[in-house]
Protein backbone atom coordinates (compact mmCIF):
# COMPACT_ATOMS: atom_id res chain seq x y z
CA UNK A 1 -5.26 31.98 -24.87
CA UNK A 2 -5.47 29.19 -22.29
CA UNK A 3 -4.42 25.59 -23.28
CA UNK A 4 -7.63 23.58 -23.53
CA UNK A 5 -5.71 20.22 -22.43
CA UNK A 6 -4.43 21.82 -19.22
CA UNK A 7 -6.24 21.35 -15.97
CA UNK A 8 -7.10 24.39 -13.96
CA UNK A 9 -4.94 24.85 -10.74
CA UNK A 10 -7.17 23.74 -7.89
CA UNK A 11 -6.45 25.00 -4.32
CA UNK A 12 -4.59 22.36 -2.12
CA UNK A 13 -6.87 20.68 0.45
CA UNK A 14 -4.75 19.98 3.51
CA UNK A 15 -7.11 17.44 4.83
CA UNK A 16 -7.16 15.49 1.59
CA UNK A 17 -3.28 15.34 1.47
CA UNK A 18 -3.39 14.18 5.17
CA UNK A 19 -5.98 11.63 4.32
CA UNK A 20 -3.83 10.18 1.34
CA UNK A 21 -0.80 10.11 3.69
CA UNK A 22 -2.64 8.24 6.31
CA UNK A 23 -4.24 5.84 3.75
CA UNK A 24 -0.83 5.15 2.21
CA UNK A 25 0.57 4.20 5.46
CA UNK A 26 -2.25 2.04 6.21
CA UNK A 27 -1.89 0.29 2.74
CA UNK A 28 1.68 -0.39 3.20
CA UNK A 29 1.68 -1.46 6.94
CA UNK A 30 -1.40 -3.67 7.17
CA UNK A 31 -0.74 -6.36 4.66
CA UNK A 32 3.06 -6.46 5.80
CA UNK A 33 2.00 -6.83 9.38
CA UNK A 34 -0.66 -9.36 8.73
CA UNK A 35 1.48 -11.50 6.41
CA UNK A 36 4.55 -11.40 8.72
CA UNK A 37 2.50 -12.56 11.74
CA UNK A 38 0.97 -15.38 9.83
CA UNK A 39 4.21 -16.45 8.36
CA UNK A 40 5.85 -16.48 11.83
CA UNK A 41 2.95 -18.50 13.20
CA UNK A 42 3.10 -21.03 10.27
CA UNK A 43 6.77 -21.19 10.57
CA UNK A 44 6.47 -22.19 14.29
CA UNK A 45 3.70 -24.67 13.48
CA UNK A 46 5.55 -26.37 10.62
CA UNK A 47 9.07 -25.66 11.90
CA UNK A 48 10.10 -24.24 8.67
CA UNK A 49 11.73 -20.92 9.78
CA UNK A 50 12.15 -18.51 8.00
CA UNK A 51 10.58 -19.50 4.75
CA UNK A 52 6.91 -19.08 5.23
CA UNK A 53 7.56 -15.62 6.92
CA UNK A 54 9.71 -14.64 3.90
CA UNK A 55 6.99 -15.86 1.61
CA UNK A 56 4.47 -13.88 3.42
CA UNK A 57 6.73 -10.57 3.18
CA UNK A 58 7.06 -11.20 -0.62
CA UNK A 59 3.11 -11.63 -0.90
CA UNK A 60 2.70 -8.58 1.28
CA UNK A 61 5.05 -6.49 -1.13
CA UNK A 62 3.18 -7.71 -4.13
CA UNK A 63 -0.20 -6.94 -2.62
CA UNK A 64 0.77 -3.54 -1.53
CA UNK A 65 2.24 -2.54 -4.77
CA UNK A 66 -0.92 -3.47 -6.53
CA UNK A 67 -3.18 -1.81 -3.89
CA UNK A 68 -0.94 1.34 -4.00
CA UNK A 69 -1.01 1.48 -7.81
CA UNK A 70 -4.82 1.22 -7.91
CA UNK A 71 -5.45 3.95 -5.26
CA UNK A 72 -2.88 6.42 -6.76
CA UNK A 73 -4.41 5.91 -10.22
CA UNK A 74 -7.72 7.04 -8.59
CA UNK A 75 -6.16 10.20 -7.05
CA UNK A 76 -4.46 11.11 -10.29
CA UNK A 77 -7.77 11.11 -12.26
């Protein structure tokens, strides 16, 4: 007798996996790139090297973690 709480095995969709990989790369790279560039620009403007760039990196990591967690929860459902 099959377990009622168990999900059926669905075929693996290669395009969905490729899309997930692309999306994860985008989610990781975009905030990091934007916050690093803005941080470097602000550091040059206010002569505060490297503090605003480092702050941007920390913000990017925080945003990326939040964004990844949200997207992965959607895929797990």
